[in-house]
Amino acid sequence: MKLRKILVAGAAATLGLSLTACGSGNGSGGAGSPAPGDDLDTSSPVTLTVWESLQGPDEFIRQAGAAFTERYPNITVEFVNVELGDAATQLALDGPAGVGPDVFAAPHDTLGSLQQQGLILAVPDADAVADNVLDFSVAALTLDGTLYGYPVAAETYAMFYNRDLVDTPPSTFDELITFARDFNAANPGKHGFVMDVGNFYYTFPFMTMDGNRLFGENGTNADEPEVNTAASVQGFTAFQQLREILPIAAGDLTTDAVDGLFSAGNAAIHITGPWNVEPFTQQGVDFGVVPMFSLPGQDTPAISFSGVRTMFVSAFSDNPDEAAAFAEFLTTPEMQQLRVDITGAMSVSTGDISYDNEAIDGFAAQLEHSFAMPSIPRMAAVWDALNSASANIWNGATPQSELDAATAVILAD
């Protein structure tokens, strides 16, 4: 199946990103930034350490690294497993100690914190990267006119359903409740619906009723998180009602646990992302992917978080020229096609990318109902506060009090 990148570009307006900051790549790296590409000195052997996640991205780095070594025989690329969500925190410890990566993967929303702490380098040739990738992904990684990251994928989650267990996936909150209630009664030991309820990445949709958004419409109002508004409280009250169809404590509904339930055929519907397309396929699950169900009183799919999966060059790299060259190499059309073939994730390439899995249609449709994770520095305070609030609300705490407490934590810095 061919899917022109215009699908992703058309969804950019929903991502809450200003495209005017970067244009077609204006704002290249600051003074002293390394320069990759044709001027690269490859006379001495160099090993680049690259942090990435397992289950697909690891194999991409291995194969892309081998291709890069073919081009530059004196440069070796070594993959090290550091999961996407852990890299920014670990870099702050390992980088200064001299044991960190040269290049690492992280969500685009970590940009503000990474840049503020001086942990990453600006992109030396922003124009070259901008030529390779869609404008909205460049905008997501631009601060004050400077590009800091190398986009490699666009990601959002959606609703997976097991075709052997679900005839027609529910499209509304009430339909989901009805389906899961009936399914649970008819299938003891299985679950009609599962999700990671203690992870704000997945519970974010419940705060988005009536146009409510984290840090405002564009995700940039650091003084107004909009976490404890009436709309957010209403949404998280609905979230708590899902406990009726999934009567399990939050601590037992981790990402690994719910992924395992769905892959084993013990859950009919699951909220997850494109990173699970290949694992679920390999495990023999016959699944489909559709947009999220609508929330109570709403008539469109619930708004998911979307993100730009990004490669950054560490400010502590001993080989910044080579690191920047490799990171830029990962954005080329050839490497973007390779990444799609291995991971099934949605590309940000300006090229014509081929997809073999129809699941991409579901993610592309959900991307039109998504909101880019804010990348302002205050975003760093959001995760722990709202992960905890989500779990506590699921376990029975009052939504208003939990969201008030989370707001106080977010604004405390």
Protein backbone atom coordinates (compact mmCIF):
# COMPACT_ATOMS: atom_id res chain seq x y z
CA MET A 1 0.00 0.00 0.00
CA LYS A 2 1.25 3.47 -0.88
CA LEU A 3 0.38 6.32 1.43
CA ARG A 4 1.58 9.76 0.43
CA LYS A 5 3.03 11.79 3.25
CA ILE A 6 0.36 14.39 2.59
CA LEU A 7 -1.77 12.40 5.05
CA VAL A 8 0.58 13.34 7.83
CA ALA A 9 1.08 16.87 6.54
CA GLY A 10 -2.67 17.36 6.49
CA ALA A 11 -2.84 16.44 10.14
CA ALA A 12 -0.20 18.99 11.11
CA ALA A 13 -2.80 21.64 11.83
CA THR A 14 -4.14 19.50 14.66
CA LEU A 15 -0.75 19.15 16.28
CA GLY A 16 -0.74 22.53 17.95
CA LEU A 17 2.56 23.47 16.30
CA SER A 18 3.51 26.76 14.71
CA LEU A 19 5.10 26.22 11.35
CA THR A 20 6.25 29.80 11.08
CA ALA A 21 9.20 29.32 13.41
CA CYS A 22 11.19 27.25 10.98
CA GLY A 23 9.90 27.68 7.44
CA SER A 24 11.90 25.34 5.29
CA GLY A 25 14.72 24.96 7.75
CA ASN A 26 15.80 28.48 8.68
CA GLY A 27 17.69 28.75 11.92
CA SER A 28 20.55 26.35 11.55
CA GLY A 29 22.71 25.42 14.45
CA GLY A 30 24.46 27.96 16.61
CA ALA A 31 28.11 28.95 16.50
CA GLY A 32 30.51 26.14 17.09
CA SER A 33 28.07 23.41 16.01
CA PRO A 34 29.70 20.47 14.19
CA ALA A 35 29.23 20.13 10.43
CA PRO A 36 28.34 16.66 9.08
CA GLY A 37 28.22 15.44 5.48
CA ASP A 38 30.75 15.82 2.74
CA ASP A 39 33.28 17.60 4.94
CA LEU A 40 33.37 14.73 7.44
CA ASP A 41 36.89 13.60 8.33
CA THR A 42 36.87 9.80 8.41
CA SER A 43 40.60 9.21 8.55
CA SER A 44 40.51 7.91 12.14
CA PRO A 45 38.41 5.02 13.50
CA VAL A 46 35.33 6.18 15.43
CA THR A 47 32.64 4.25 17.29
CA LEU A 48 29.27 5.94 17.74
CA THR A 49 27.05 4.78 20.61
CA VAL A 50 23.35 5.05 19.84
CA TRP A 51 20.60 4.64 22.42
CA GLU A 52 17.27 3.29 21.16
CA SER A 53 14.39 1.05 22.19
CA LEU A 54 13.80 -2.62 21.55
CA GLN A 55 11.10 -4.23 19.38
CA GLY A 56 12.02 -2.73 16.04
CA PRO A 57 13.95 0.50 16.54
CA ASP A 58 16.94 -1.54 17.68
CA GLU A 59 17.06 -3.51 14.43
CA PHE A 60 16.68 -0.29 12.45
CA ILE A 61 19.71 1.22 14.16
CA ARG A 62 21.72 -1.95 13.52
CA GLN A 63 20.87 -2.03 9.82
CA ALA A 64 21.17 1.73 9.34
CA GLY A 65 24.48 1.61 11.18
CA ALA A 66 25.76 -1.07 8.84
CA ALA A 67 24.72 1.03 5.85
CA PHE A 68 26.44 4.07 7.32
CA THR A 69 29.62 2.05 7.88
CA GLU A 70 29.55 1.02 4.22
CA ARG A 71 29.65 4.70 3.36
CA TYR A 72 32.22 5.58 6.04
CA PRO A 73 34.25 2.42 6.76
CA ASN A 74 36.08 3.96 9.71
CA ILE A 75 32.85 4.72 11.56
CA THR A 76 31.19 1.92 13.52
CA VAL A 77 27.71 2.28 15.03
CA GLU A 78 26.99 0.46 18.28
CA PHE A 79 23.41 0.01 19.48
CA VAL A 80 22.72 0.21 23.23
CA ASN A 81 19.25 -0.40 24.62
CA VAL A 82 17.93 2.61 26.50
CA GLU A 83 14.18 2.90 26.12
CA LEU A 84 12.69 6.01 24.57
CA GLY A 85 11.10 7.27 27.77
CA ASP A 86 14.24 6.78 29.86
CA ALA A 87 16.86 8.37 27.63
CA ALA A 88 16.52 12.02 28.66
CA THR A 89 16.79 11.24 32.37
CA GLN A 90 19.64 8.80 31.89
CA LEU A 91 21.58 11.21 29.68
CA ALA A 92 21.62 13.80 32.46
CA LEU A 93 23.49 11.25 34.59
CA ASP A 94 25.58 9.37 32.05
CA GLY A 95 26.52 12.26 29.78
CA PRO A 96 28.61 14.22 32.29
CA ALA A 97 30.16 10.94 33.49
CA GLY A 98 31.46 10.25 30.00
CA VAL A 99 29.49 7.04 29.52
CA GLY A 100 26.53 8.38 27.58
CA PRO A 101 25.59 8.10 23.92
CA ASP A 102 26.63 10.05 20.87
CA VAL A 103 23.09 9.86 19.47
CA PHE A 104 19.91 8.94 21.32
CA ALA A 105 16.18 8.66 20.70
CA ALA A 106 13.68 10.62 22.76
CA PRO A 107 10.18 12.07 22.33
CA HIS A 108 10.07 15.57 20.89
CA ASP A 109 8.41 16.91 24.04
CA THR A 110 11.67 16.48 25.96
CA LEU A 111 13.27 19.16 23.77
CA GLY A 112 12.68 22.09 26.11
CA SER A 113 14.19 20.35 29.10
CA LEU A 114 17.11 18.89 27.15
CA GLN A 115 17.99 22.24 25.63
CA GLN A 116 17.56 24.12 28.88
CA GLN A 117 19.98 21.74 30.62
CA GLY A 118 22.53 21.98 27.81
CA LEU A 119 22.33 18.27 27.05
CA ILE A 120 21.95 18.41 23.27
CA LEU A 121 23.58 20.07 20.27
CA ALA A 122 21.80 22.10 17.61
CA VAL A 123 21.50 20.61 14.14
CA PRO A 124 24.41 22.00 12.11
CA ASP A 125 22.70 21.68 8.72
CA ALA A 126 19.04 22.38 9.38
CA ASP A 127 18.31 22.91 5.70
CA ALA A 128 19.46 19.39 4.82
CA VAL A 129 17.25 17.86 7.51
CA ALA A 130 14.30 20.06 6.55
CA ASP A 131 14.61 18.86 2.96
CA ASN A 132 14.21 15.28 4.18
CA VAL A 133 11.26 15.62 6.57
CA LEU A 134 7.85 17.26 6.80
CA ASP A 135 7.55 20.83 8.02
CA PHE A 136 5.48 20.03 11.10
CA SER A 137 8.16 17.69 12.43
CA VAL A 138 10.79 20.40 11.98
CA ALA A 139 8.55 22.89 13.79
CA ALA A 140 8.13 20.46 16.67
CA LEU A 141 11.89 20.46 17.20
CA THR A 142 12.61 24.14 16.72
CA LEU A 143 13.20 26.52 19.64
CA ASP A 144 13.79 30.22 19.06
CA GLY A 145 14.53 29.60 15.40
CA THR A 146 17.07 26.83 15.99
CA LEU A 147 16.52 23.18 15.06
CA TYR A 148 17.72 20.73 17.72
CA GLY A 149 16.59 17.29 16.62
CA TYR A 150 16.36 14.84 13.73
CA PRO A 151 12.76 13.59 13.21
CA VAL A 152 12.46 9.91 12.30
CA ALA A 153 8.78 9.05 12.86
CA ALA A 154 5.38 10.46 13.71
CA GLU A 155 3.53 8.54 16.37
CA THR A 156 0.16 8.48 18.00
CA TYR A 157 -1.80 5.67 19.54
CA ALA A 158 -5.19 4.36 18.52
CA MET A 159 -7.60 1.52 19.31
CA PHE A 160 -6.48 -2.00 18.48
CA TYR A 161 -9.13 -4.70 18.36
CA ASN A 162 -8.82 -8.45 18.00
CA ARG A 163 -10.84 -9.47 14.94
CA ASP A 164 -11.45 -12.91 16.41
CA LEU A 165 -13.17 -11.32 19.42
CA VAL A 166 -14.74 -8.13 18.04
CA ASP A 167 -17.11 -7.90 15.07
CA THR A 168 -17.56 -4.12 15.03
CA PRO A 169 -15.28 -1.99 17.22
CA PRO A 170 -17.11 0.53 19.40
CA SER A 171 -16.88 4.16 18.33
CA THR A 172 -18.33 5.85 21.41
CA PHE A 173 -17.72 5.67 25.15
CA ASP A 174 -21.16 4.17 25.79
CA GLU A 175 -20.65 1.56 23.06
CA LEU A 176 -17.33 0.60 24.66
CA ILE A 177 -18.95 0.16 28.07
CA THR A 178 -21.76 -1.94 26.62
CA PHE A 179 -19.44 -4.11 24.53
CA ALA A 180 -16.97 -4.76 27.35
CA ARG A 181 -19.69 -5.49 29.90
CA ASP A 182 -21.25 -8.10 27.61
CA PHE A 183 -17.88 -9.50 26.55
CA ASN A 184 -16.65 -9.90 30.12
CA ALA A 185 -19.81 -11.73 31.10
CA ALA A 186 -19.54 -14.14 28.16
CA ASN A 187 -15.77 -14.70 28.42
CA PRO A 188 -14.61 -15.34 32.00
CA GLY A 189 -10.89 -14.70 32.41
CA LYS A 190 -10.74 -12.34 29.43
CA HIS A 191 -11.22 -8.59 29.20
CA GLY A 192 -13.28 -6.58 26.76
CA PHE A 193 -11.02 -3.56 27.15
CA VAL A 194 -7.55 -2.86 28.54
CA MET A 195 -5.17 0.09 28.68
CA ASP A 196 -2.31 1.36 30.81
CA VAL A 197 -4.35 3.42 33.25
CA GLY A 198 -1.40 4.80 35.23
CA ASN A 199 0.37 6.38 32.28
CA PHE A 200 -0.70 9.92 31.38
CA TYR A 201 0.49 9.39 27.82
CA TYR A 202 -2.56 7.16 27.40
CA THR A 203 -4.95 8.88 29.84
CA PHE A 204 -4.43 12.34 28.30
CA PRO A 205 -7.51 11.98 26.03
CA PHE A 206 -9.77 12.18 29.06
CA MET A 207 -8.71 15.78 29.79
CA THR A 208 -9.52 16.96 26.26
CA MET A 209 -13.29 17.26 26.41
CA ASP A 210 -14.80 20.45 24.97
CA GLY A 211 -11.49 21.55 23.43
CA ASN A 212 -9.51 21.48 26.68
CA ARG A 213 -5.78 21.04 25.99
CA LEU A 214 -2.62 20.68 28.08
CA PHE A 215 -0.97 24.13 28.38
CA GLY A 216 -3.64 25.62 26.17
CA GLU A 217 -4.57 25.43 22.52
CA ASN A 218 -0.98 25.51 21.27
CA GLY A 219 0.63 23.72 24.22
CA THR A 220 2.77 26.75 25.04
CA ASN A 221 1.03 28.50 27.97
CA ALA A 222 3.29 27.39 30.81
CA ASP A 223 1.25 29.31 33.39
CA GLU A 224 -2.02 27.49 32.62
CA PRO A 225 -1.71 23.67 32.48
CA GLU A 226 -5.51 23.33 32.10
CA VAL A 227 -5.26 20.07 34.05
CA ASN A 228 -7.92 20.76 36.68
CA THR A 229 -10.53 22.53 34.57
CA ALA A 230 -14.17 21.48 34.66
CA ALA A 231 -13.76 19.73 31.29
CA SER A 232 -10.73 17.79 32.52
CA VAL A 233 -12.49 16.74 35.73
CA GLN A 234 -15.51 15.60 33.70
CA GLY A 235 -13.30 13.56 31.41
CA PHE A 236 -11.36 11.90 34.21
CA THR A 237 -14.64 11.10 35.94
CA ALA A 238 -15.59 9.17 32.80
CA PHE A 239 -12.15 7.53 32.87
CA GLN A 240 -12.84 6.34 36.40
CA GLN A 241 -16.11 4.79 35.23
CA LEU A 242 -14.12 2.40 33.02
CA ARG A 243 -13.11 0.61 36.22
CA GLU A 244 -16.53 -1.04 36.00
CA ILE A 245 -15.46 -2.99 32.90
CA LEU A 246 -11.83 -3.41 33.97
CA PRO A 247 -11.91 -4.07 37.73
CA ILE A 248 -8.15 -4.32 38.20
CA ALA A 249 -5.88 -2.02 40.23
CA ALA A 250 -3.74 0.44 38.31
CA GLY A 251 -0.53 -1.22 39.47
CA ASP A 252 -1.50 -4.37 37.60
CA LEU A 253 -2.32 -2.57 34.36
CA THR A 254 1.15 -1.50 33.29
CA THR A 255 2.07 -1.20 29.62
CA ASP A 256 3.80 -4.58 29.65
CA ALA A 257 0.85 -6.23 31.38
CA VAL A 258 -1.84 -4.94 29.01
CA ASP A 259 0.33 -5.56 25.95
CA GLY A 260 0.69 -9.13 27.17
CA LEU A 261 -3.05 -9.56 27.65
CA PHE A 262 -3.78 -8.41 24.10
CA SER A 263 -0.98 -10.40 22.48
CA ALA A 264 -2.15 -13.55 24.26
CA GLY A 265 -5.73 -13.13 23.02
CA ASN A 266 -7.00 -12.33 26.50
CA ALA A 267 -8.15 -8.79 25.69
CA ALA A 268 -10.47 -7.73 22.90
CA ILE A 269 -9.64 -4.01 22.71
CA HIS A 270 -6.43 -2.22 23.66
CA ILE A 271 -5.11 1.33 23.42
CA THR A 272 -1.55 1.30 22.09
CA GLY A 273 0.62 2.52 19.24
CA PRO A 274 2.40 1.55 16.02
CA TRP A 275 5.35 0.14 17.94
CA ASN A 276 3.14 -2.88 18.66
CA VAL A 277 2.15 -3.58 15.06
CA GLU A 278 5.12 -5.84 14.37
CA PRO A 279 5.16 -7.64 17.76
CA PHE A 280 1.43 -8.39 17.63
CA THR A 281 1.75 -9.55 14.03
CA GLN A 282 4.62 -11.86 14.91
CA GLN A 283 2.57 -13.26 17.78
CA GLY A 284 -0.22 -14.20 15.39
CA VAL A 285 -2.89 -11.75 16.55
CA ASP A 286 -5.43 -10.90 13.83
CA PHE A 287 -6.03 -7.27 14.71
CA GLY A 288 -7.37 -4.06 13.25
CA VAL A 289 -6.63 -0.46 14.18
CA VAL A 290 -9.28 2.26 14.31
CA PRO A 291 -9.48 5.74 15.86
CA MET A 292 -10.27 6.21 19.53
CA PHE A 293 -13.83 6.06 20.82
CA SER A 294 -15.52 9.41 21.45
CA LEU A 295 -15.89 10.65 25.01
CA PRO A 296 -19.34 11.20 26.61
CA GLY A 297 -21.16 14.03 24.92
CA GLN A 298 -18.57 14.31 22.14
CA ASP A 299 -19.08 13.28 18.52
CA THR A 300 -15.51 12.81 17.28
CA PRO A 301 -12.71 10.45 18.33
CA ALA A 302 -11.04 11.35 21.60
CA ILE A 303 -7.89 13.43 21.18
CA SER A 304 -4.69 11.41 21.58
CA PHE A 305 -1.19 12.62 22.25
CA SER A 306 0.98 12.64 19.15
CA GLY A 307 4.69 12.86 19.04
CA VAL A 308 7.67 13.12 16.77
CA ARG A 309 10.15 10.39 17.55
CA THR A 310 13.47 12.15 17.45
CA MET A 311 17.17 11.45 17.35
CA PHE A 312 19.28 13.96 19.26
CA VAL A 313 23.05 14.43 19.34
CA SER A 314 24.41 14.52 22.87
CA ALA A 315 26.34 17.61 23.94
CA PHE A 316 28.78 15.22 25.61
CA SER A 317 29.67 13.32 22.42
CA ASP A 318 33.39 13.06 21.71
CA ASN A 319 32.50 12.72 18.03
CA PRO A 320 29.86 15.37 17.33
CA ASP A 321 30.61 15.66 13.59
CA GLU A 322 30.18 11.93 13.02
CA ALA A 323 27.15 11.80 15.35
CA ALA A 324 25.41 14.59 13.46
CA ALA A 325 26.19 12.93 10.14
CA PHE A 326 24.66 9.65 11.30
CA ALA A 327 21.57 11.33 12.78
CA GLU A 328 21.04 13.22 9.51
CA PHE A 329 21.56 9.97 7.57
CA LEU A 330 18.62 8.46 9.47
CA THR A 331 16.30 11.12 7.99
CA THR A 332 17.09 10.28 4.35
CA PRO A 333 14.34 8.67 2.24
CA GLU A 334 16.23 5.37 2.01
CA MET A 335 16.63 5.10 5.76
CA GLN A 336 13.06 6.26 6.36
CA GLN A 337 11.80 3.45 4.11
CA LEU A 338 14.01 0.99 5.98
CA ARG A 339 12.59 2.19 9.30
CA VAL A 340 9.02 1.77 8.04
CA ASP A 341 9.79 -1.73 6.75
CA ILE A 342 11.23 -2.76 10.13
CA THR A 343 9.00 -0.95 12.62
CA GLY A 344 5.75 -0.24 10.76
CA ALA A 345 5.80 3.27 12.25
CA MET A 346 4.56 6.30 10.36
CA SER A 347 7.33 8.13 8.54
CA VAL A 348 7.91 11.89 8.48
CA SER A 349 9.76 11.69 5.16
CA THR A 350 9.01 14.09 2.34
CA GLY A 351 9.54 11.13 0.04
CA ASP A 352 7.00 8.61 -1.20
CA ILE A 353 7.02 5.86 1.43
CA SER A 354 5.46 2.42 0.96
CA TYR A 355 3.57 0.70 3.78
CA ASP A 356 2.75 -3.00 3.82
CA ASN A 357 0.42 -2.95 6.82
CA GLU A 358 -3.12 -1.59 6.64
CA ALA A 359 -2.88 -0.61 10.32
CA ILE A 360 -1.27 2.63 9.17
CA ASP A 361 -4.70 3.80 7.98
CA GLY A 362 -6.01 3.67 11.53
CA PHE A 363 -3.11 5.68 12.88
CA ALA A 364 -3.34 8.21 10.05
CA ALA A 365 -7.03 8.70 10.85
CA GLN A 366 -6.29 9.12 14.57
CA LEU A 367 -3.48 11.57 13.82
CA GLU A 368 -6.18 13.93 12.56
CA HIS A 369 -7.58 13.86 16.12
CA SER A 370 -4.31 14.31 17.98
CA PHE A 371 -2.40 16.97 19.88
CA ALA A 372 1.37 17.23 19.92
CA MET A 373 2.89 16.75 23.33
CA PRO A 374 4.05 20.21 24.44
CA SER A 375 7.82 20.65 24.37
CA ILE A 376 8.08 23.55 26.82
CA PRO A 377 10.44 22.93 29.78
CA ARG A 378 7.53 22.70 32.24
CA MET A 379 6.42 19.54 30.44
CA ALA A 380 9.10 17.70 32.42
CA ALA A 381 6.99 18.14 35.57
CA VAL A 382 3.85 16.77 33.95
CA TRP A 383 4.61 13.07 33.71
CA ASP A 384 5.14 12.05 37.32
CA ALA A 385 2.35 14.31 38.53
CA LEU A 386 -0.26 13.06 36.08
CA ASN A 387 0.90 9.45 36.03
CA SER A 388 0.26 9.43 39.76
CA ALA A 389 -3.05 11.30 39.43
CA SER A 390 -4.24 8.89 36.73
CA ALA A 391 -3.45 5.83 38.83
CA ASN A 392 -5.02 7.32 41.94
CA ILE A 393 -8.19 8.33 40.10
CA TRP A 394 -8.45 4.85 38.62
CA ASN A 395 -8.08 3.38 42.09
CA GLY A 396 -10.94 5.50 43.44
CA ALA A 397 -9.56 8.92 44.41
CA THR A 398 -11.61 12.04 43.71
CA PRO A 399 -10.73 13.44 40.27
CA GLN A 400 -10.93 17.09 41.30
CA SER A 401 -8.58 16.72 44.26
CA GLU A 402 -6.07 14.63 42.30
CA LEU A 403 -6.03 17.06 39.38
CA ASP A 404 -5.70 20.04 41.74
CA ALA A 405 -2.70 18.36 43.37
CA ALA A 406 -1.14 17.56 39.99
CA THR A 407 -1.58 21.18 38.88
CA ALA A 408 0.20 22.40 42.02
CA VAL A 409 3.15 20.08 41.31
CA ILE A 410 3.38 21.18 37.67
CA LEU A 411 3.42 24.86 38.63
CA ALA A 412 5.76 24.41 41.58
CA ASP A 413 8.99 24.93 39.67
